[in-house]
């Protein structure tokens, strides 16, 4: 007789799970099943946005058959999608016709000034890599192309960042002077030049300039970003380029030569794309670009500082760190303490976290370059 080989045991098969003798009566698998299947709703929303279902239904009610003809979709399949979107509260139905809800009109139509379509399309581009997270956890390597790969994906990323930043930037720009002073740091008086490092479409540069008429800004980012930045600046009438209030200098902020003499450096959501050594080097380069008395501001999704260095939260920052695992060679979320350490290592003083908490627990870390700010005496 031939010997029968035993199947190799998997790690899960080798484990013996000890169940509690008397489990709490309120324990239920329901929340876990809801968590596991939440991608159904997200992907249904993504399909609605990618197919541009909401634009025609914001203009006028339409039947699935008429809408399928307009969008080039299969009528049966589109009917299923419309039913699901209706059940999710994004459409209403009157007889045989579907219509967009006020929420969908405001946020899910590209022409709306409050549209979030680009960030939803960006999320759509990320879904496949998240489904393969186990591969990256095993290998320690990214499993998708960078956000700059592919014109459509790059545009969705850049304008998606604009979608998100517009929910924060206008209010933050108005509050910045008070936030700095509350932390015992010099305020905005006398500041004339802003460096928006890795600024993408320039959302923050634009809003800072609008809130502070004496300020001009330079966006330093990849050359492929320039057309998007120019179009975004034009929407706000600030003027783009050497003759405008918002300029653009192409380059790689990890290796390129930065201009100097800035009163303010803004680093929003760029450090998480780099490994710790590179992130610290970027902070040093930004600090070197400041004039004496200049302020460097880092805006990031910050992990908790923990005595045992577990950094297990907040939830969004921890999940976002996994997003960086999937899409970058060495990026990760950082804790407030880690970012403060980078600023201090770059020679900045009065380093502290400002009294600001943005969506998804984003925070601001600030530091000052030693020396006296030019014009400080005149503006005091």
Protein backbone atom coordinates (compact mmCIF):
# COMPACT_ATOMS: atom_id res chain seq x y z
CA UNK A 1 0.00 0.00 0.00
CA UNK A 2 1.06 3.49 -0.69
CA UNK A 3 1.50 5.82 2.25
CA UNK A 4 -1.03 8.63 2.28
CA UNK A 5 0.55 11.99 2.91
CA UNK A 6 -1.12 14.03 5.60
CA UNK A 7 -2.13 17.53 4.53
CA UNK A 8 0.07 20.23 5.93
CA UNK A 9 -1.64 21.93 8.82
CA UNK A 10 -2.29 25.62 8.48
CA UNK A 11 -1.55 27.98 11.37
CA UNK A 12 -5.26 28.42 11.97
CA UNK A 13 -5.87 24.65 12.04
CA UNK A 14 -3.14 24.14 14.62
CA UNK A 15 -4.65 26.61 17.06
CA UNK A 16 -6.98 25.63 19.85
CA UNK A 17 -9.21 28.52 20.84
CA UNK A 18 -10.24 28.68 24.46
CA UNK A 19 -13.78 29.99 24.64
CA UNK A 20 -14.96 31.76 27.78
CA UNK A 21 -16.94 29.41 30.01
CA UNK A 22 -19.78 31.89 30.28
CA UNK A 23 -19.56 34.38 27.38
CA UNK A 24 -21.31 37.72 27.90
CA UNK A 25 -24.88 37.59 26.63
CA UNK A 26 -24.40 40.76 24.58
CA UNK A 27 -21.66 39.26 22.41
CA UNK A 28 -22.85 38.89 18.82
CA UNK A 29 -21.16 38.29 15.48
CA UNK A 30 -23.42 40.94 13.93
CA UNK A 31 -21.01 43.89 14.27
CA UNK A 32 -18.17 41.79 12.85
CA UNK A 33 -20.28 40.67 9.90
CA UNK A 34 -21.31 44.27 9.28
CA UNK A 35 -17.68 45.34 9.41
CA UNK A 36 -16.63 42.56 7.05
CA UNK A 37 -19.33 43.32 4.50
CA UNK A 38 -19.17 47.11 4.63
CA UNK A 39 -17.34 47.14 1.29
CA UNK A 40 -20.64 46.22 -0.40
CA UNK A 41 -22.04 49.67 0.35
CA UNK A 42 -18.79 51.45 -0.46
CA UNK A 43 -18.37 49.73 -3.81
CA UNK A 44 -22.01 50.41 -4.68
CA UNK A 45 -21.44 54.11 -4.03
CA UNK A 46 -18.23 53.99 -6.07
CA UNK A 47 -20.08 52.45 -9.02
CA UNK A 48 -22.72 55.17 -8.88
CA UNK A 49 -20.06 57.89 -8.99
CA UNK A 50 -17.81 56.24 -11.60
CA UNK A 51 -20.82 55.69 -13.91
CA UNK A 52 -22.02 59.27 -13.18
CA UNK A 53 -25.49 58.03 -12.25
CA UNK A 54 -26.27 61.05 -10.09
CA UNK A 55 -25.79 63.86 -12.62
CA UNK A 56 -28.72 63.01 -14.93
CA UNK A 57 -30.91 62.10 -11.96
CA UNK A 58 -30.16 65.50 -10.41
CA UNK A 59 -31.39 67.14 -13.62
CA UNK A 60 -34.65 65.19 -13.95
CA UNK A 61 -36.20 61.88 -12.85
CA UNK A 62 -35.57 58.98 -15.22
CA UNK A 63 -36.50 55.34 -15.59
CA UNK A 64 -33.79 52.67 -15.48
CA UNK A 65 -34.29 52.00 -19.20
CA UNK A 66 -33.88 55.66 -20.20
CA UNK A 67 -30.90 56.11 -17.91
CA UNK A 68 -29.26 52.92 -19.19
CA UNK A 69 -29.52 54.23 -22.74
CA UNK A 70 -27.95 57.54 -21.74
CA UNK A 71 -25.11 56.00 -19.72
CA UNK A 72 -24.43 53.03 -21.99
CA UNK A 73 -25.27 50.47 -19.30
CA UNK A 74 -27.16 47.19 -19.24
CA UNK A 75 -30.74 48.04 -18.19
CA UNK A 76 -31.18 45.02 -15.92
CA UNK A 77 -27.88 45.59 -14.12
CA UNK A 78 -28.47 49.33 -13.79
CA UNK A 79 -31.90 48.66 -12.28
CA UNK A 80 -30.20 46.60 -9.56
CA UNK A 81 -27.74 49.43 -8.89
CA UNK A 82 -30.50 52.06 -8.73
CA UNK A 83 -32.50 49.93 -6.29
CA UNK A 84 -29.47 49.61 -4.04
CA UNK A 85 -28.67 53.33 -4.19
CA UNK A 86 -32.31 54.06 -3.38
CA UNK A 87 -32.18 51.68 -0.41
CA UNK A 88 -29.02 53.49 0.76
CA UNK A 89 -30.88 56.80 0.77
CA UNK A 90 -29.08 58.37 -2.20
CA UNK A 91 -31.99 58.17 -4.65
CA UNK A 92 -35.76 58.37 -4.37
CA UNK A 93 -38.28 56.66 -6.63
CA UNK A 94 -41.60 57.98 -7.90
CA UNK A 95 -43.39 55.35 -9.92
CA UNK A 96 -40.88 53.99 -12.41
CA UNK A 97 -38.54 57.01 -12.24
CA UNK A 98 -35.57 57.57 -9.95
CA UNK A 99 -34.31 60.96 -8.76
CA UNK A 100 -31.23 62.13 -6.85
CA UNK A 101 -31.69 63.16 -3.21
CA UNK A 102 -30.52 66.61 -2.02
CA UNK A 103 -27.42 64.99 -0.47
CA UNK A 104 -26.54 63.28 -3.74
CA UNK A 105 -27.11 66.50 -5.72
CA UNK A 106 -24.79 68.43 -3.42
CA UNK A 107 -21.93 65.97 -3.05
CA UNK A 108 -22.15 63.35 -5.82
CA UNK A 109 -22.46 65.45 -8.98
CA UNK A 110 -19.15 66.67 -10.47
CA UNK A 111 -20.48 70.15 -11.30
CA UNK A 112 -21.47 70.93 -7.70
CA UNK A 113 -19.06 73.28 -5.90
CA UNK A 114 -19.19 70.88 -2.94
CA UNK A 115 -18.64 67.74 -4.99
CA UNK A 116 -16.63 64.91 -3.44
CA UNK A 117 -16.67 62.81 -6.61
CA UNK A 118 -12.91 62.84 -7.09
CA UNK A 119 -12.10 61.54 -3.62
CA UNK A 120 -14.70 58.79 -4.06
CA UNK A 121 -13.12 57.86 -7.39
CA UNK A 122 -9.75 57.81 -5.62
CA UNK A 123 -11.19 55.41 -3.04
CA UNK A 124 -12.42 53.28 -5.95
CA UNK A 125 -8.84 53.06 -7.25
CA UNK A 126 -7.69 51.79 -3.83
CA UNK A 127 -10.18 48.95 -3.40
CA UNK A 128 -8.20 46.25 -5.21
CA UNK A 129 -5.07 46.86 -3.16
CA UNK A 130 -7.00 46.72 0.12
CA UNK A 131 -8.48 43.36 -0.95
CA UNK A 132 -4.88 42.10 -1.23
CA UNK A 133 -3.68 43.51 2.08
CA UNK A 134 -2.70 40.06 3.34
CA UNK A 135 -0.07 39.88 0.57
CA UNK A 136 1.53 43.15 1.67
CA UNK A 137 1.48 42.19 5.34
CA UNK A 138 3.32 38.96 4.45
CA UNK A 139 5.84 40.61 2.14
CA UNK A 140 6.17 44.04 3.76
CA UNK A 141 5.88 45.58 0.30
CA UNK A 142 3.35 47.76 -1.53
CA UNK A 143 0.96 46.01 -3.90
CA UNK A 144 -0.21 48.89 -6.09
CA UNK A 145 1.21 51.63 -8.27
CA UNK A 146 1.76 55.06 -6.77
CA UNK A 147 -1.00 57.66 -7.00
CA UNK A 148 0.97 59.48 -9.69
CA UNK A 149 0.79 56.51 -12.07
CA UNK A 150 -1.87 57.02 -14.73
CA UNK A 151 -3.43 60.34 -15.72
CA UNK A 152 -6.95 59.54 -14.52
CA UNK A 153 -5.82 58.16 -11.16
CA UNK A 154 -3.47 61.13 -10.67
CA UNK A 155 -6.22 63.66 -11.42
CA UNK A 156 -8.66 61.89 -9.09
CA UNK A 157 -6.04 61.88 -6.34
CA UNK A 158 -5.12 65.55 -6.71
CA UNK A 159 -8.68 66.81 -7.01
CA UNK A 160 -9.77 64.37 -4.32
CA UNK A 161 -7.27 66.07 -2.02
CA UNK A 162 -8.84 69.37 -3.06
CA UNK A 163 -12.29 68.00 -2.18
CA UNK A 164 -11.10 67.05 1.31
CA UNK A 165 -8.97 70.11 1.97
CA UNK A 166 -11.78 72.50 1.08
CA UNK A 167 -13.62 71.16 4.12
CA UNK A 168 -10.76 72.33 6.35
CA UNK A 169 -8.63 75.00 4.69
CA UNK A 170 -10.92 78.07 4.67
CA UNK A 171 -11.67 77.89 8.40
CA UNK A 172 -8.13 76.92 9.35
CA UNK A 173 -6.68 79.81 7.34
CA UNK A 174 -8.86 82.26 9.28
CA UNK A 175 -7.96 80.67 12.64
CA UNK A 176 -4.24 80.21 12.08
CA UNK A 177 -3.11 83.48 13.68
CA UNK A 178 -5.10 82.74 16.84
CA UNK A 179 -3.94 79.11 16.96
CA UNK A 180 -0.28 80.16 16.79
CA UNK A 181 -0.68 82.82 19.48
CA UNK A 182 -2.62 80.47 21.79
CA UNK A 183 0.38 78.12 21.65
CA UNK A 184 2.78 80.94 22.53
CA UNK A 185 4.18 81.14 18.99
CA UNK A 186 4.53 84.26 16.81
CA UNK A 187 1.39 84.89 14.77
CA UNK A 188 0.83 85.82 11.15
CA UNK A 189 1.70 89.51 11.39
CA UNK A 190 4.55 90.46 9.07
CA UNK A 191 4.56 87.16 7.21
CA UNK A 192 4.81 87.62 3.46
CA UNK A 193 6.02 84.35 1.87
CA UNK A 194 4.54 80.87 2.22
CA UNK A 195 6.04 77.58 1.01
CA UNK A 196 3.37 74.94 0.36
CA UNK A 197 5.55 71.84 0.15
CA UNK A 198 3.95 69.03 -1.82
CA UNK A 199 0.93 71.30 -2.12
CA UNK A 200 -0.75 69.50 -5.02
CA UNK A 201 -3.61 71.64 -6.35
CA UNK A 202 -2.66 74.41 -3.90
CA UNK A 203 -5.81 74.37 -1.78
CA UNK A 204 -4.10 75.53 1.40
CA UNK A 205 -1.86 78.04 -0.37
CA UNK A 206 -4.97 79.56 -1.95
CA UNK A 207 -6.94 79.75 1.28
CA UNK A 208 -4.02 81.13 3.30
CA UNK A 209 -3.56 83.86 0.69
CA UNK A 210 -7.27 84.67 0.67
CA UNK A 211 -7.32 84.98 4.47
CA UNK A 212 -4.09 87.01 4.61
CA UNK A 213 -3.95 89.60 1.79
CA UNK A 214 -0.27 90.39 2.39
CA UNK A 215 0.75 86.77 1.78
CA UNK A 216 2.05 85.18 -1.43
CA UNK A 217 2.79 81.49 -1.87
CA UNK A 218 4.93 79.01 -3.79
CA UNK A 219 3.65 75.48 -4.37
CA UNK A 220 6.55 73.03 -4.66
CA UNK A 221 5.47 69.73 -6.21
CA UNK A 222 5.93 67.33 -9.10
CA UNK A 223 5.77 68.90 -12.61
CA UNK A 224 2.68 66.84 -13.49
CA UNK A 225 0.81 68.69 -10.73
CA UNK A 226 1.27 72.15 -12.28
CA UNK A 227 -1.74 72.12 -14.67
CA UNK A 228 -4.10 71.09 -11.88
CA UNK A 229 -2.67 73.75 -9.56
CA UNK A 230 -2.95 76.43 -12.25
CA UNK A 231 -6.60 75.57 -12.93
CA UNK A 232 -7.40 75.53 -9.21
CA UNK A 233 -5.74 78.89 -8.53
CA UNK A 234 -7.58 80.40 -11.50
CA UNK A 235 -10.91 79.43 -9.93
CA UNK A 236 -10.14 81.72 -6.99
CA UNK A 237 -8.80 84.66 -9.02
CA UNK A 238 -5.44 84.98 -7.25
CA UNK A 239 -3.22 84.87 -10.32
CA UNK A 240 -0.83 82.01 -11.05
CA UNK A 241 2.88 82.18 -11.75
CA UNK A 242 5.51 84.90 -11.26
CA UNK A 243 3.02 87.74 -11.70
CA UNK A 244 0.36 86.23 -9.44
CA UNK A 245 0.12 85.62 -5.71
CA UNK A 246 0.47 81.84 -6.04
CA UNK A 247 3.44 80.47 -7.96
CA UNK A 248 4.58 76.95 -8.73
CA UNK A 249 8.07 75.46 -8.67
CA UNK A 250 8.39 71.91 -10.04
CA UNK A 251 10.53 69.42 -8.22
CA UNK A 252 10.80 66.44 -5.90
CA UNK A 253 10.72 67.66 -2.31
CA UNK A 254 12.84 64.71 -1.19
CA UNK A 255 15.73 65.56 -3.52
CA UNK A 256 15.14 68.87 -5.33
CA UNK A 257 16.55 72.26 -4.40
CA UNK A 258 14.01 74.26 -2.41
CA UNK A 259 13.81 78.03 -2.64
CA UNK A 260 14.50 79.89 0.60
CA UNK A 261 13.60 82.89 2.71
CA UNK A 262 10.04 81.83 3.61
CA UNK A 263 8.14 83.13 6.63
CA UNK A 264 5.90 80.07 6.74
CA UNK A 265 6.30 76.47 5.54
CA UNK A 266 3.23 74.25 5.24
CA UNK A 267 3.61 70.46 5.01
CA UNK A 268 0.15 68.94 4.75
CA UNK A 269 -0.24 65.17 4.51
CA UNK A 270 3.10 64.50 2.82
CA UNK A 271 5.27 62.95 5.54
CA UNK A 272 3.14 59.81 5.74
CA UNK A 273 4.21 58.92 2.20
CA UNK A 274 7.84 58.57 3.30
CA UNK A 275 9.84 56.25 5.54
CA UNK A 276 10.98 57.76 8.87
CA UNK A 277 14.45 58.78 7.67
CA UNK A 278 13.13 60.43 4.51
CA UNK A 279 10.31 62.15 6.38
CA UNK A 280 12.82 63.61 8.85
CA UNK A 281 15.00 64.77 5.94
CA UNK A 282 12.01 66.49 4.30
CA UNK A 283 11.34 68.36 7.55
CA UNK A 284 15.01 69.44 7.69
CA UNK A 285 14.85 70.70 4.11
CA UNK A 286 11.68 72.67 4.85
CA UNK A 287 13.25 74.13 7.98
CA UNK A 288 16.30 75.19 5.98
CA UNK A 289 13.98 77.02 3.57
CA UNK A 290 12.66 79.23 6.38
CA UNK A 291 13.93 82.69 7.21
CA UNK A 292 14.84 83.35 10.86
CA UNK A 293 11.64 83.51 12.90
CA UNK A 294 9.78 81.48 10.28
CA UNK A 295 7.19 78.92 11.34
CA UNK A 296 6.97 75.36 10.04
CA UNK A 297 3.59 73.63 10.24
CA UNK A 298 3.02 69.89 9.75
CA UNK A 299 -0.54 68.67 9.17
CA UNK A 300 -0.97 64.89 9.46
CA UNK A 301 -3.29 62.11 10.61
CA UNK A 302 -1.49 61.58 13.91
CA UNK A 303 -1.24 58.31 15.78
CA UNK A 304 -1.53 58.39 19.55
CA UNK A 305 1.59 58.87 21.62
CA UNK A 306 1.87 55.77 23.81
CA UNK A 307 4.24 55.00 26.66
CA UNK A 308 4.68 51.45 25.39
CA UNK A 309 4.97 52.67 21.78
CA UNK A 310 1.92 50.70 20.62
CA UNK A 311 0.38 53.72 18.85
CA UNK A 312 -2.85 51.75 18.47
CA UNK A 313 -5.16 54.55 17.39
CA UNK A 314 -7.02 56.67 16.60
CA UNK A 315 -8.72 54.21 14.27
CA UNK A 316 -8.52 56.30 11.09
CA UNK A 317 -4.80 57.03 11.50
CA UNK A 318 -4.08 53.34 12.14
CA UNK A 319 -6.05 52.31 9.04
CA UNK A 320 -4.44 55.09 7.02
CA UNK A 321 -1.03 53.72 7.95
CA UNK A 322 -2.06 50.45 6.28
CA UNK A 323 -3.03 52.45 3.20
CA UNK A 324 0.55 53.70 3.09
CA UNK A 325 1.83 50.12 3.43
CA UNK A 326 -0.19 49.15 0.36
CA UNK A 327 0.84 52.09 -1.80
CA UNK A 328 4.31 53.32 -0.82
CA UNK A 329 7.78 51.78 -0.37
CA UNK A 330 8.09 52.84 3.28
CA UNK A 331 5.35 55.27 4.21
CA UNK A 332 3.35 55.14 7.44
CA UNK A 333 1.35 57.30 9.80
CA UNK A 334 3.36 59.00 12.54
CA UNK A 335 2.56 59.91 16.11
CA UNK A 336 2.60 63.46 17.39
CA UNK A 337 5.74 62.67 19.35
CA UNK A 338 7.51 61.36 16.26
CA UNK A 339 6.67 64.50 14.28
CA UNK A 340 7.73 66.75 17.15
CA UNK A 341 11.03 64.87 17.24
CA UNK A 342 11.55 65.54 13.52
CA UNK A 343 11.02 69.28 14.00
CA UNK A 344 13.33 69.43 16.99
CA UNK A 345 16.01 67.46 15.13
CA UNK A 346 15.74 70.03 12.32
CA UNK A 347 16.74 72.76 14.79
CA UNK A 348 13.31 74.28 15.34
CA UNK A 349 12.29 75.59 18.75
CA UNK A 350 9.02 76.03 20.63
CA UNK A 351 7.80 72.83 18.99
CA UNK A 352 4.26 71.98 20.03
CA UNK A 353 0.91 70.64 18.90
CA UNK A 354 -1.60 73.39 18.12
CA UNK A 355 -5.16 73.37 19.47
CA UNK A 356 -6.67 72.09 16.24
CA UNK A 357 -8.30 68.78 15.42
CA UNK A 358 -9.45 68.20 11.86
CA UNK A 359 -11.56 65.47 10.32
CA UNK A 360 -10.32 61.94 11.06
CA UNK A 361 -8.26 63.28 13.97
CA UNK A 362 -5.76 65.20 11.87
CA UNK A 363 -3.57 67.55 13.88
CA UNK A 364 -1.00 70.33 13.54
CA UNK A 365 2.56 70.34 14.87
CA UNK A 366 4.42 73.66 14.72
CA UNK A 367 7.95 74.88 15.33
CA UNK A 368 9.88 78.13 14.93
CA UNK A 369 13.26 78.69 13.29
CA UNK A 370 15.56 80.50 15.76
CA UNK A 371 16.19 84.16 15.05
CA UNK A 372 14.21 87.35 14.66
CA UNK A 373 11.53 87.51 12.00
CA UNK A 374 12.16 90.27 9.45
CA UNK A 375 9.61 93.03 9.89
CA UNK A 376 8.51 91.73 13.29
CA UNK A 377 9.23 95.03 14.99
CA UNK A 378 7.22 96.95 12.38
CA UNK A 379 4.25 94.60 12.63
CA UNK A 380 4.24 94.24 16.42
